[in-house]
Protein backbone atom coordinates (compact mmCIF):
# COMPACT_ATOMS: atom_id res chain seq x y z
CA MET A 1 16.20 -10.25 -0.68
CA THR A 2 17.16 -7.25 0.19
CA LEU A 3 14.68 -4.93 1.84
CA ARG A 4 14.42 -0.97 0.02
CA THR A 5 13.78 1.52 2.01
CA ILE A 6 11.27 3.63 2.02
CA LEU A 7 10.62 6.59 -0.49
CA ILE A 8 13.83 7.68 -1.10
CA GLY A 9 16.09 5.57 -3.16
CA GLY A 10 15.69 1.63 -3.54
CA ILE A 11 13.11 1.30 -6.21
CA ALA A 12 14.62 0.61 -9.46
CA ALA A 13 15.01 2.83 -12.22
CA SER A 14 14.06 1.36 -15.17
CA ALA A 15 11.97 -2.12 -15.93
CA LEU A 16 13.03 -5.35 -16.92
CA ALA A 17 15.62 -5.09 -20.14
CA PRO A 18 13.79 -6.50 -22.99
CA MET A 19 15.18 -9.98 -23.86
CA ALA A 20 16.19 -11.56 -27.83
CA GLN A 21 12.79 -13.04 -28.75
CA ALA A 22 10.56 -13.76 -31.60
CA GLU A 23 8.14 -11.74 -33.40
CA ARG A 24 4.73 -11.16 -32.12
CA GLY A 25 2.82 -13.98 -32.32
CA GLU A 26 5.25 -16.21 -34.13
CA ASP A 27 5.66 -18.78 -31.37
CA GLY A 28 2.07 -20.28 -31.76
CA GLN A 29 0.03 -20.96 -28.46
CA VAL A 30 0.92 -21.09 -24.91
CA GLY A 31 -0.70 -23.47 -22.67
CA ILE A 32 -1.38 -22.20 -19.01
CA ILE A 33 -3.19 -24.49 -16.44
CA TYR A 34 -4.65 -23.01 -13.34
CA TRP A 35 -6.28 -26.00 -11.00
CA GLN A 36 -8.52 -23.57 -9.36
CA ALA A 37 -10.66 -21.99 -12.18
CA PRO A 38 -10.56 -18.41 -12.58
CA SER A 39 -14.55 -16.94 -12.32
CA ILE A 40 -13.75 -13.37 -13.07
CA MET A 41 -11.45 -11.19 -15.19
CA ASN A 42 -11.98 -8.41 -12.96
CA PRO A 43 -9.53 -8.16 -9.38
CA TYR A 44 -11.57 -5.43 -7.51
CA LEU A 45 -14.45 -8.15 -7.19
CA SER A 46 -12.47 -11.10 -6.03
CA GLY A 47 -9.80 -11.89 -3.83
CA GLY A 48 -9.04 -14.74 -5.21
CA THR A 49 -5.35 -15.59 -6.58
CA LYS A 50 -6.76 -17.44 -9.71
CA ASP A 51 -8.76 -14.25 -10.57
CA LEU A 52 -6.04 -11.72 -9.55
CA GLU A 53 -3.74 -13.82 -12.07
CA ALA A 54 -5.76 -14.57 -14.85
CA ALA A 55 -6.62 -10.81 -15.07
CA SER A 56 -3.00 -9.56 -14.98
CA LEU A 57 -2.63 -10.52 -18.32
CA VAL A 58 -5.05 -8.17 -19.01
CA LEU A 59 -5.14 -5.67 -16.69
CA GLU A 60 -1.68 -3.78 -16.03
CA PRO A 61 -0.87 -1.57 -12.57
CA LEU A 62 1.14 1.74 -13.55
CA ALA A 63 3.98 -0.19 -11.36
CA ARG A 64 4.22 -3.28 -10.09
CA TYR A 65 7.06 -5.59 -8.46
CA ASN A 66 9.68 -7.54 -9.68
CA GLU A 67 11.17 -11.19 -8.58
CA THR A 68 13.83 -9.53 -6.20
CA GLY A 69 10.36 -7.52 -4.47
CA ASP A 70 11.69 -4.41 -6.06
CA MET A 71 9.43 -2.02 -7.46
CA VAL A 72 9.84 -0.94 -11.13
CA PRO A 73 7.81 1.45 -13.66
CA TRP A 74 5.04 -0.76 -15.70
CA LEU A 75 3.12 2.03 -17.77
CA VAL A 76 5.23 4.70 -16.26
CA ASP A 77 8.58 5.73 -17.39
CA GLU A 78 9.47 6.01 -13.39
CA VAL A 79 8.22 5.11 -10.07
CA PRO A 80 7.82 8.70 -8.57
CA THR A 81 9.81 9.58 -5.35
CA VAL A 82 10.69 12.62 -2.88
CA GLU A 83 14.37 12.30 -4.87
CA ASN A 84 12.61 12.75 -8.83
CA GLY A 85 10.21 14.93 -6.91
CA GLY A 86 6.73 12.65 -8.07
CA VAL A 87 6.19 12.33 -3.85
CA SER A 88 6.13 15.86 -2.45
CA GLU A 89 7.84 16.75 0.01
CA ASP A 90 5.14 17.10 2.92
CA LEU A 91 4.38 13.43 2.01
CA THR A 92 0.78 14.23 0.60
CA SER A 93 0.67 13.73 -2.64
CA ILE A 94 2.24 11.53 -5.31
CA THR A 95 2.22 12.11 -9.36
CA TRP A 96 2.42 9.91 -11.59
CA LYS A 97 3.38 10.22 -15.39
CA LEU A 98 1.58 7.93 -17.59
CA THR A 99 4.14 7.16 -20.30
CA GLU A 100 3.91 8.94 -23.74
CA GLY A 101 1.69 6.50 -26.89
CA LEU A 102 -0.07 4.28 -24.67
CA VAL A 103 -3.13 2.64 -26.02
CA TRP A 104 -5.98 0.03 -24.78
CA SER A 105 -6.08 -3.41 -26.59
CA ASP A 106 -8.80 -1.13 -28.43
CA GLY A 107 -6.64 1.38 -29.77
CA SER A 108 -8.01 4.36 -27.50
CA PRO A 109 -5.31 6.43 -25.43
CA VAL A 110 -5.00 5.27 -22.12
CA THR A 111 -5.13 8.56 -19.90
CA SER A 112 -5.17 10.33 -16.54
CA GLU A 113 -8.72 10.11 -16.34
CA ASP A 114 -8.25 6.23 -16.37
CA VAL A 115 -6.42 6.35 -13.60
CA LYS A 116 -8.57 8.75 -11.57
CA PHE A 117 -11.75 6.54 -12.46
CA SER A 118 -10.04 3.16 -11.22
CA TRP A 119 -9.85 4.99 -7.64
CA GLU A 120 -13.81 6.17 -8.01
CA TYR A 121 -14.88 2.33 -9.50
CA CYS A 122 -13.21 0.74 -6.21
CA THR A 123 -14.37 3.39 -3.37
CA ALA A 124 -17.90 3.68 -5.06
CA GLU A 125 -20.40 3.19 -2.58
CA GLY A 126 -21.82 -0.33 -2.43
CA GLY A 127 -19.63 -1.75 -4.68
CA GLY A 128 -17.79 -4.31 -2.53
CA CYS A 129 -14.49 -3.65 -3.79
CA ALA A 130 -12.30 -6.63 -2.71
CA GLN A 131 -8.69 -3.83 -2.91
CA ILE A 132 -10.34 -1.28 -1.11
CA GLU A 133 -7.82 -0.62 1.40
CA LYS A 134 -4.84 -0.23 -1.62
CA TYR A 135 -6.68 3.03 -1.52
CA GLY A 136 -6.67 3.91 1.74
CA GLY A 137 -5.83 7.23 2.75
CA ILE A 138 -6.89 9.06 -0.78
CA GLU A 139 -8.46 12.39 0.01
CA SER A 140 -8.58 12.82 -4.65
CA ILE A 141 -6.93 12.35 -7.80
CA GLU A 142 -6.52 15.59 -10.26
CA THR A 143 -5.92 15.19 -13.41
CA PRO A 144 -4.18 18.26 -15.24
CA ASP A 145 -3.49 16.75 -18.29
CA GLU A 146 -3.97 13.57 -19.94
CA LEU A 147 -0.57 12.01 -18.81
CA THR A 148 -0.32 13.34 -15.17
CA ALA A 149 -2.63 11.76 -12.17
CA VAL A 150 -1.76 13.93 -9.09
CA VAL A 151 -3.00 11.44 -6.33
CA LYS A 152 -3.66 13.65 -2.79
CA PHE A 153 -3.93 12.21 0.34
CA LYS A 154 -5.76 13.29 3.49
CA ASN A 155 -2.73 13.23 5.66
CA PRO A 156 1.23 12.84 5.02
CA LYS A 157 1.62 9.46 3.21
CA PRO A 158 4.64 8.12 4.01
CA PHE A 159 4.34 5.02 2.04
CA PRO A 160 2.21 6.19 -1.23
CA TYR A 161 2.24 3.27 -3.57
CA THR A 162 -0.79 0.86 -1.96
CA ALA A 163 -2.64 2.16 -4.79
CA PHE A 164 -2.31 1.47 -8.80
CA VAL A 165 0.82 -0.64 -7.60
CA GLY A 166 1.18 -4.46 -8.61
CA ALA A 167 -1.33 -6.98 -9.69
CA GLN A 168 -3.85 -6.54 -7.30
CA SER A 169 -4.80 -2.93 -8.04
CA PRO A 170 -4.87 -2.30 -11.91
CA ILE A 171 -5.89 0.19 -13.98
CA LEU A 172 -9.29 -0.10 -15.88
CA GLN A 173 -10.63 1.41 -18.57
CA LYS A 174 -13.43 4.49 -17.65
CA ALA A 175 -15.11 4.02 -21.23
CA GLN A 176 -15.28 0.85 -20.80
CA PHE A 177 -16.73 0.82 -16.79
CA ALA A 178 -18.06 4.09 -16.53
CA ASP A 179 -22.05 2.25 -15.84
CA CYS A 180 -20.45 0.08 -13.83
CA LEU A 181 -20.46 2.11 -10.47
CA GLY A 182 -21.60 1.12 -7.00
CA PRO A 183 -24.18 -1.70 -7.16
CA LYS A 184 -23.90 -2.39 -10.64
CA ALA A 185 -20.05 -3.30 -10.90
CA PRO A 186 -21.27 -7.08 -10.31
CA GLU A 187 -23.97 -6.94 -12.61
CA CYS A 188 -21.33 -5.54 -15.68
CA THR A 189 -20.95 -9.31 -16.91
CA GLU A 190 -18.95 -8.49 -20.65
CA GLN A 191 -16.90 -5.86 -18.70
CA ASN A 192 -15.95 -7.79 -15.56
CA PHE A 193 -15.79 -11.14 -18.38
CA ASN A 194 -13.67 -9.38 -21.08
CA PRO A 195 -11.74 -6.40 -19.96
CA ILE A 196 -10.10 -4.23 -22.12
CA GLY A 197 -6.31 -3.15 -21.11
CA THR A 198 -2.61 -2.34 -21.56
CA GLY A 199 -1.47 -5.77 -20.92
CA PRO A 200 0.24 -8.83 -23.99
CA PHE A 201 -3.10 -10.66 -24.26
CA VAL A 202 -7.14 -9.83 -24.88
CA VAL A 203 -9.34 -11.82 -24.09
CA THR A 204 -11.57 -13.45 -27.00
CA ASP A 205 -13.78 -16.31 -25.07
CA PHE A 206 -14.33 -16.31 -21.39
CA ARG A 207 -16.29 -19.37 -19.71
CA PRO A 208 -16.08 -19.07 -15.96
CA ASN A 209 -14.44 -21.35 -13.87
CA ASP A 210 -13.74 -23.78 -17.27
CA VAL A 211 -11.29 -22.09 -19.57
CA ILE A 212 -10.51 -18.81 -21.31
CA THR A 213 -8.96 -18.04 -24.28
CA LEU A 214 -6.67 -15.27 -25.38
CA GLU A 215 -4.88 -13.74 -28.05
CA ALA A 216 -2.28 -11.22 -28.78
CA ASN A 217 -2.88 -8.05 -28.27
CA GLU A 218 -2.08 -6.37 -31.39
CA ASN A 219 -1.93 -2.66 -29.94
CA TYR A 220 0.63 -4.15 -26.93
CA ARG A 221 3.58 -1.25 -26.61
CA ASP A 222 6.45 -3.31 -27.38
CA PRO A 223 6.10 -4.56 -31.18
CA GLU A 224 7.69 -7.61 -30.50
CA LYS A 225 5.81 -8.86 -27.87
CA PRO A 226 4.24 -11.62 -26.71
CA ALA A 227 5.71 -14.11 -28.53
CA PHE A 228 2.59 -16.20 -28.53
CA ALA A 229 -0.17 -15.81 -30.55
CA SER A 230 -2.88 -17.18 -28.27
CA VAL A 231 -3.20 -18.56 -24.91
CA VAL A 232 -5.58 -21.60 -23.91
CA PHE A 233 -5.80 -20.90 -19.85
CA LYS A 234 -7.27 -23.98 -18.75
CA GLY A 235 -9.02 -24.09 -15.10
CA GLY A 236 -10.48 -26.95 -12.50
CA GLY A 237 -9.37 -29.58 -12.01
CA ASP A 238 -6.88 -30.47 -9.03
CA ALA A 239 -3.29 -29.85 -8.63
CA THR A 240 -2.65 -33.55 -9.50
CA ALA A 241 -3.92 -33.15 -12.80
CA ALA A 242 -1.98 -29.88 -13.34
CA GLY A 243 1.20 -31.22 -12.64
CA ARG A 244 0.94 -34.12 -14.77
CA ALA A 245 -0.14 -31.65 -17.55
CA VAL A 246 2.88 -29.98 -17.36
CA LEU A 247 5.55 -32.30 -15.66
CA GLU A 248 4.48 -35.80 -17.65
CA THR A 249 2.36 -35.49 -20.39
CA GLY A 250 3.76 -32.04 -22.01
CA GLU A 251 0.00 -31.14 -22.60
CA PHE A 252 0.19 -27.35 -20.96
CA ASP A 253 3.57 -25.37 -20.51
CA TYR A 254 2.62 -24.01 -16.91
CA ALA A 255 1.07 -25.34 -14.44
CA TRP A 256 0.43 -23.00 -11.15
CA ASN A 257 0.57 -23.49 -7.40
CA LEU A 258 0.95 -27.23 -7.86
CA GLN A 259 -0.39 -28.05 -4.21
CA LEU A 260 1.13 -31.75 -3.98
CA ALA A 261 3.43 -33.41 -1.26
CA PRO A 262 6.98 -33.08 -2.01
CA ASP A 263 7.54 -36.87 -3.06
CA VAL A 264 5.01 -36.62 -5.93
CA LEU A 265 6.13 -33.47 -7.11
CA ALA A 266 9.65 -35.24 -7.74
CA ASN A 267 8.06 -38.27 -9.03
CA MET A 268 6.38 -36.29 -11.86
CA GLU A 269 9.50 -34.03 -12.38
CA SER A 270 11.43 -37.47 -13.25
CA ALA A 271 9.72 -37.54 -16.18
CA GLY A 272 11.73 -35.13 -17.97
CA LYS A 273 9.33 -32.74 -19.53
CA GLY A 274 9.48 -29.43 -17.25
CA GLN A 275 10.54 -28.10 -14.41
CA ILE A 276 9.19 -27.33 -10.63
CA VAL A 277 10.12 -24.18 -9.88
CA SER A 278 9.30 -22.68 -6.35
CA GLY A 279 10.16 -19.30 -3.91
CA PHE A 280 9.12 -18.60 -0.90
CA GLY A 281 7.32 -14.57 -0.32
CA THR A 282 4.55 -14.35 2.17
CA LEU A 283 2.22 -16.86 1.43
CA VAL A 284 0.31 -18.44 4.43
CA GLU A 285 -1.65 -21.16 5.04
CA ARG A 286 -4.07 -20.46 7.59
CA ILE A 287 -6.97 -21.14 9.46
CA MET A 288 -9.78 -18.10 10.08
CA VAL A 289 -11.53 -18.45 12.71
CA ASN A 290 -15.11 -16.75 12.46
CA GLN A 291 -16.37 -14.29 15.04
CA THR A 292 -19.43 -14.53 14.18
CA ASP A 293 -22.74 -16.76 14.31
CA PRO A 294 -22.85 -18.48 10.81
CA SER A 295 -26.38 -20.32 11.55
CA SER A 296 -28.44 -20.76 8.61
CA ASP A 297 -31.70 -19.81 10.98
CA LEU A 298 -30.32 -16.29 10.93
CA GLY A 299 -31.14 -15.35 7.17
CA ASP A 300 -29.58 -12.39 5.75
CA ARG A 301 -27.74 -11.26 8.71
CA ARG A 302 -26.25 -14.88 9.12
CA ALA A 303 -21.59 -14.41 9.21
CA THR A 304 -22.61 -10.58 10.25
CA LEU A 305 -21.77 -8.45 13.39
CA ASP A 306 -25.11 -9.07 14.51
CA HIS A 307 -24.86 -12.08 15.64
CA PRO A 308 -21.74 -12.96 17.45
CA HIS A 309 -20.03 -16.14 17.08
CA PRO A 310 -22.05 -18.76 20.34
CA PHE A 311 -18.09 -19.77 21.01
CA LEU A 312 -16.10 -18.66 19.61
CA THR A 313 -15.78 -15.53 20.65
CA ASP A 314 -13.92 -17.14 23.44
CA LYS A 315 -10.92 -16.51 23.50
CA ALA A 316 -10.00 -19.53 25.63
CA VAL A 317 -11.51 -21.72 22.53
CA ARG A 318 -9.77 -20.35 20.10
CA GLN A 319 -6.28 -20.67 21.93
CA ALA A 320 -6.95 -23.89 22.58
CA LEU A 321 -7.49 -24.79 19.22
CA SER A 322 -4.47 -23.31 18.01
CA MET A 323 -1.99 -25.21 21.02
CA ALA A 324 -3.57 -28.44 19.72
CA ILE A 325 -2.06 -28.52 15.96
CA ASP A 326 1.49 -29.75 15.08
CA ARG A 327 2.80 -27.50 12.62
CA GLU A 328 5.47 -29.51 12.02
CA LEU A 329 3.73 -32.38 10.70
CA LEU A 330 1.99 -30.18 8.80
CA VAL A 331 4.82 -28.90 7.01
CA GLU A 332 6.08 -32.31 6.81
CA ILE A 333 3.39 -34.12 5.14
CA GLY A 334 2.18 -31.25 2.63
CA TYR A 335 4.94 -29.36 1.54
CA GLY A 336 8.35 -30.87 2.92
CA ASP A 337 11.03 -28.24 2.11
CA ALA A 338 8.66 -25.54 -0.07
CA GLY A 339 7.13 -25.03 3.70
CA ARG A 340 7.74 -23.50 7.17
CA VAL A 341 6.53 -24.09 10.45
CA THR A 342 4.66 -20.11 11.20
CA CYS A 343 3.23 -18.79 14.17
CA ASN A 344 2.81 -15.56 12.33
CA VAL A 345 0.28 -14.39 9.39
CA LEU A 346 3.06 -11.58 8.56
CA PRO A 347 6.09 -13.93 8.09
CA ALA A 348 8.22 -11.81 5.71
CA PRO A 349 10.53 -9.61 4.74
CA GLU A 350 12.19 -10.72 7.35
CA ILE A 351 12.19 -7.04 9.45
CA TYR A 352 8.76 -7.56 10.16
CA ALA A 353 8.89 -11.01 10.82
CA SER A 354 8.02 -11.56 14.94
CA THR A 355 9.71 -14.03 17.35
CA ALA A 356 6.83 -12.95 20.02
CA ASN A 357 4.34 -15.89 18.55
CA ASP A 358 6.69 -19.14 18.44
CA ASP A 359 5.64 -20.80 21.26
CA CYS A 360 2.82 -22.20 18.25
CA LYS A 361 5.63 -24.05 17.29
CA VAL A 362 5.72 -27.27 19.51
CA GLN A 363 2.19 -29.31 19.74
CA ASP A 364 0.49 -28.76 23.44
CA ILE A 365 -2.68 -31.10 24.13
CA GLU A 366 -2.63 -30.87 27.62
CA GLY A 367 -1.63 -27.43 27.59
CA ALA A 368 -4.86 -26.99 25.47
CA LYS A 369 -7.23 -28.72 27.26
CA ALA A 370 -6.27 -27.56 30.66
CA VAL A 371 -7.00 -23.95 29.00
CA LEU A 372 -10.60 -25.03 28.39
CA GLU A 373 -10.90 -26.49 31.65
CA GLU A 374 -9.75 -23.13 33.66
CA ALA A 375 -12.35 -21.51 31.00
CA GLY A 376 -15.18 -23.65 31.98
CA TRP A 377 -15.84 -25.97 28.98
CA THR A 378 -16.14 -29.60 30.61
CA ASP A 379 -17.73 -32.83 28.43
CA THR A 380 -20.74 -32.90 31.05
CA ASN A 381 -22.49 -34.73 28.86
CA GLY A 382 -19.86 -37.88 28.29
CA ASN A 383 -20.26 -37.65 24.58
CA GLY A 384 -16.24 -36.73 23.98
CA VAL A 385 -17.79 -32.73 23.12
CA ARG A 386 -16.78 -30.25 25.69
CA ASP A 387 -19.61 -27.93 26.15
CA LYS A 388 -20.50 -24.57 28.46
CA ASP A 389 -24.35 -23.61 29.60
CA GLY A 390 -26.14 -26.21 26.68
CA VAL A 391 -23.41 -24.79 24.37
CA GLU A 392 -20.92 -27.58 22.43
CA LEU A 393 -17.83 -27.11 21.16
CA SER A 394 -19.16 -28.47 17.57
CA MET A 395 -17.53 -27.00 14.47
CA LEU A 396 -18.32 -26.79 10.54
CA PHE A 397 -14.09 -26.41 9.06
CA GLN A 398 -14.02 -25.82 5.50
CA THR A 399 -12.05 -25.28 2.63
CA SER A 400 -11.04 -25.15 -0.55
CA THR A 401 -10.92 -29.20 -2.23
CA ASN A 402 -6.91 -30.46 -2.13
CA ALA A 403 -5.54 -33.36 -1.39
CA VAL A 404 -3.21 -31.36 0.53
CA ARG A 405 -5.95 -29.46 2.29
CA GLN A 406 -8.03 -32.50 3.07
CA ASP A 407 -5.17 -34.46 4.63
CA PHE A 408 -4.53 -31.40 6.86
CA GLN A 409 -8.23 -30.96 7.80
CA ALA A 410 -8.42 -34.73 8.72
CA LEU A 411 -5.22 -34.58 10.68
CA ILE A 412 -6.78 -31.54 12.80
CA LYS A 413 -10.23 -32.79 13.58
CA GLN A 414 -8.39 -35.69 14.84
CA TRP A 415 -6.21 -33.00 17.22
CA TRP A 416 -8.89 -31.05 17.97
CA SER A 417 -11.04 -34.09 18.97
CA GLU A 418 -8.43 -35.01 21.32
CA ILE A 419 -8.96 -31.82 23.01
CA GLY A 420 -12.58 -32.23 23.25
CA VAL A 421 -13.81 -30.35 19.76
CA GLU A 422 -15.83 -31.83 17.26
CA ALA A 423 -15.06 -30.93 13.50
CA GLU A 424 -17.66 -31.76 10.66
CA LEU A 425 -15.85 -31.66 7.32
CA ARG A 426 -16.34 -29.56 4.37
CA ASN A 427 -14.25 -29.13 1.48
CA ILE A 428 -15.64 -26.84 -1.88
CA ASP A 429 -14.39 -26.37 -5.28
CA ALA A 430 -11.33 -23.97 -5.08
CA SER A 431 -13.22 -21.88 -8.01
CA VAL A 432 -16.21 -21.63 -6.17
CA PHE A 433 -14.54 -20.72 -2.80
CA PHE A 434 -12.36 -18.24 -3.87
CA GLY A 435 -14.68 -17.08 -6.43
CA GLY A 436 -16.51 -14.05 -4.46
CA ASP A 437 -19.34 -14.29 -6.50
CA PRO A 438 -22.02 -12.64 -3.73
CA GLY A 439 -24.42 -14.72 -4.98
CA SER A 440 -23.32 -17.77 -3.83
CA PRO A 441 -23.41 -19.06 -0.15
CA ASP A 442 -19.68 -20.99 -0.72
CA THR A 443 -17.31 -18.34 -0.95
CA PHE A 444 -14.65 -17.77 1.47
CA GLN A 445 -16.04 -14.01 2.00
CA LYS A 446 -19.28 -15.11 2.67
CA PHE A 447 -17.53 -17.49 5.59
CA PHE A 448 -20.79 -19.73 6.63
CA ALA A 449 -19.00 -22.18 8.66
CA ASP A 450 -17.05 -21.68 12.07
CA VAL A 451 -13.45 -21.91 10.98
CA GLU A 452 -12.13 -22.00 7.56
CA MET A 453 -8.90 -22.62 6.17
CA TYR A 454 -6.78 -21.37 2.71
CA ALA A 455 -3.88 -19.23 1.95
CA ASN A 456 -3.00 -15.91 1.33
CA ASN A 457 -0.36 -13.44 0.35
CA PHE A 458 0.22 -9.47 -0.72
CA ASP A 459 1.54 -7.92 -3.29
CA GLY A 460 5.31 -6.16 -2.80
CA THR A 461 7.20 -6.32 0.58
CA ASP A 462 5.50 -3.59 2.73
CA PRO A 463 2.59 -4.79 4.02
CA GLU A 464 0.48 -2.09 5.06
CA ALA A 465 -2.38 -2.49 2.87
CA TYR A 466 -2.11 -6.08 3.90
CA MET A 467 -2.45 -5.47 7.00
CA SER A 468 -5.16 -3.00 7.12
CA ASN A 469 -7.05 -6.04 5.70
CA TRP A 470 -8.26 -6.71 9.71
CA HIS A 471 -9.41 -2.89 10.29
CA CYS A 472 -13.24 -3.22 11.02
CA ASP A 473 -14.07 -1.65 7.74
CA GLN A 474 -13.01 -4.22 5.85
CA ILE A 475 -15.78 -7.01 7.51
CA PRO A 476 -17.54 -8.96 4.34
CA ALA A 477 -21.12 -8.07 4.92
CA PRO A 478 -24.36 -7.82 2.62
CA GLU A 479 -23.46 -4.01 2.57
CA ASN A 480 -20.05 -4.30 0.45
CA GLN A 481 -21.54 -7.46 -1.21
CA TRP A 482 -19.46 -9.32 0.58
CA GLN A 483 -15.95 -8.79 -0.32
CA GLY A 484 -14.27 -7.25 2.36
CA ASN A 485 -10.78 -9.24 3.53
CA ASN A 486 -11.71 -9.28 7.44
CA MET A 487 -12.91 -13.04 7.18
CA PRO A 488 -12.39 -13.45 10.89
CA ARG A 489 -15.46 -10.31 11.23
CA PHE A 490 -12.24 -9.13 13.79
CA CYS A 491 -12.99 -5.58 15.08
CA SER A 492 -10.82 -3.66 17.43
CA ASP A 493 -10.06 0.07 18.08
CA GLU A 494 -7.12 -0.38 19.18
CA TYR A 495 -6.13 -2.58 15.70
CA ASN A 496 -7.20 0.16 13.86
CA ALA A 497 -5.51 2.79 15.23
CA LEU A 498 -2.28 1.20 14.66
CA VAL A 499 -3.36 0.27 11.07
CA ASP A 500 -3.88 4.59 10.62
CA GLU A 501 -0.90 5.08 12.45
CA MET A 502 1.17 2.95 10.26
CA GLN A 503 -0.34 5.18 6.97
CA GLN A 504 1.32 7.93 8.80
CA THR A 505 4.59 6.78 9.62
CA GLY A 506 7.88 6.90 7.49
CA GLU A 507 10.77 5.60 9.35
CA LEU A 508 11.69 1.70 8.25
CA GLU A 509 12.03 0.53 11.93
CA LYS A 510 8.84 1.92 13.33
CA ARG A 511 6.76 0.69 10.39
CA ALA A 512 7.93 -2.59 11.17
CA GLU A 513 7.30 -1.91 15.00
CA LEU A 514 3.84 -1.39 14.30
CA ALA A 515 3.47 -4.15 11.57
CA LYS A 516 4.76 -6.65 14.05
CA ALA A 517 1.74 -5.00 16.85
CA MET A 518 -0.49 -6.00 14.33
CA ASN A 519 0.53 -9.54 13.51
CA ASP A 520 0.85 -10.32 17.29
CA MET A 521 -2.15 -8.62 17.86
CA LEU A 522 -4.35 -10.84 15.33
CA MET A 523 -2.30 -13.88 16.49
CA GLN A 524 -2.49 -13.86 20.48
CA GLU A 525 -6.51 -12.77 19.60
CA TYR A 526 -6.32 -16.72 17.97
CA VAL A 527 -8.60 -14.82 15.31
CA ILE A 528 -6.09 -16.64 12.68
CA ILE A 529 -4.23 -19.41 13.17
CA PRO A 530 -1.34 -19.37 11.04
CA LEU A 531 -0.06 -23.08 10.27
CA VAL A 532 2.44 -23.30 7.20
CA ASP A 533 4.80 -20.93 5.31
CA ARG A 534 4.72 -21.60 1.91
CA GLY A 535 6.86 -21.74 -0.88
CA ARG A 536 5.31 -20.85 -4.19
CA VAL A 537 5.56 -23.92 -5.96
CA SER A 538 4.88 -23.86 -9.40
CA ALA A 539 6.11 -25.84 -12.83
CA HIS A 540 6.78 -25.54 -16.48
CA SER A 541 7.99 -27.14 -19.69
CA ASN A 542 11.38 -27.40 -21.14
CA SER A 543 10.05 -25.63 -23.99
CA LEU A 544 8.92 -22.36 -22.54
CA GLY A 545 11.42 -19.91 -21.98
CA GLY A 546 11.29 -16.29 -20.06
CA VAL A 547 9.46 -17.83 -16.93
CA VAL A 548 10.96 -15.61 -14.02
CA LEU A 549 8.88 -16.97 -10.87
CA ASN A 550 7.55 -13.86 -8.61
CA THR A 551 6.74 -14.68 -5.25
CA TRP A 552 5.79 -10.33 -4.76
CA ASP A 553 3.20 -9.77 -7.58
CA SER A 554 1.66 -11.95 -9.58
CA GLU A 555 3.28 -15.18 -11.10
CA LEU A 556 2.21 -14.17 -14.72
CA TRP A 557 3.86 -11.05 -14.54
CA ASN A 558 5.57 -10.89 -17.50
CA ALA A 559 4.14 -13.17 -20.11
CA ALA A 560 5.14 -10.64 -22.63
CA ASP A 561 8.21 -11.96 -22.10
CA TRP A 562 7.54 -15.98 -22.53
CA HIS A 563 8.46 -17.63 -25.64
CA ARG A 564 8.85 -21.44 -27.32
CA LYS A 565 12.50 -22.14 -26.73
CA ASP A 566 14.51 -25.37 -28.93
CA THR A 567 14.74 -28.21 -26.30
CA ASN A 568 17.16 -30.46 -29.03
């Protein structure tokens, strides 16, 4: 992949060329299976990939990233740049011009007021927007006419493409969500389950954590698309069942995130009904280390900054946890060629990948023991668990329910026991874990455990918004409906300053330097313990045409181009 330069040039001038396919709806039904079932169709109220991708069939951004990581226009005719006059010379504004004639699925016109409202919705106080980092630095949005939205920044913004670009930052219809601002956002069930969008499909029935049915959007901007009249989007089960449903039985057409051992996938594919597609992007399986106390004894303020963690605030403990892990073995048993050892939470693009943390590639059990000994953690009780000042190194280790993750948990538990750290294992249904429900105690945002494991990534190839996730303002708490992205509750003035500086830096090499510095701080504080740089692995039936795997945006980004093909 060629990394594109910032602002000047490097942005694709046009969207994908249309492909020859059937007339709208002529190909009947397509079946999609995500074993992590979507729980909401509003990406602003969930950080779970399953929810973001399901919503991308309906809700769209102004621009997005294609399969090579290039930014392409989507609801606009061109992406604004300094060269074409869309970005001001002083980098304090960007002007988006909507494509003329766009309408919502209800037939009403898409206007610049909808663009402005989407910003207002996500930044409304008390709303708990899961994607609020995308709107960092925006001071105001002006709408001089129905097709023009002028985004004004508080300071020069050399990379002004975080808002309204990619599946994580789509446009909402103002008329539908106008009464859902702030604390009312999670209460708008009808809007959150059945959003009106500009995408190729519209929701006809949404059953949280189960099945979504959709039909072709009769007002979609291309009269020949989508080829499919309807979609059955099945959620739940497990990765094995999802893989079989496409690769062995042919019950479904597309299966996402086949987090399965390599030999299992190979055996499934040998049935001849489908094919595996994969590609590397920025997806990292990691362990988040809670800096706050999750004890239920603390009531409503558990897992908040009010109560520091009793022992994971000790850097020596966090470092020892990382040193004890054999990442090479995890890759071998869990992913094979679809995984790589990583010591960074930001593994790509190459210009942003640090080499300062490579010591983690080699397991060091004895070194981990020495670090704990030096910090005063010894086994005074003789029970195999180290302690200090009456506090034992005993943890709750949670993750989502998945065979590979449970294998990882078992191995890591064993390695940690070898250095005197006890771990109780817990796994939670993925639909709940990644659901983002502020009323559930089991979400990865609530983090009512000591450590938790999952994977995450970001839209596009620029990491500015992603690295902003660990700003102090991103810490989940009751005040933001537990929707922040800073799961470890890490808070550092030095880190915040790097985030602020990157938002105002345009020179690519300097941006890379800042991104690496942020990555290295997180790694060397051991508040995030990276495990595997994971390739995305999905599968589609041999009869499903038009699939283009995209690791830089939603995997369903070009569902409008999907069609049924003859396999005879």
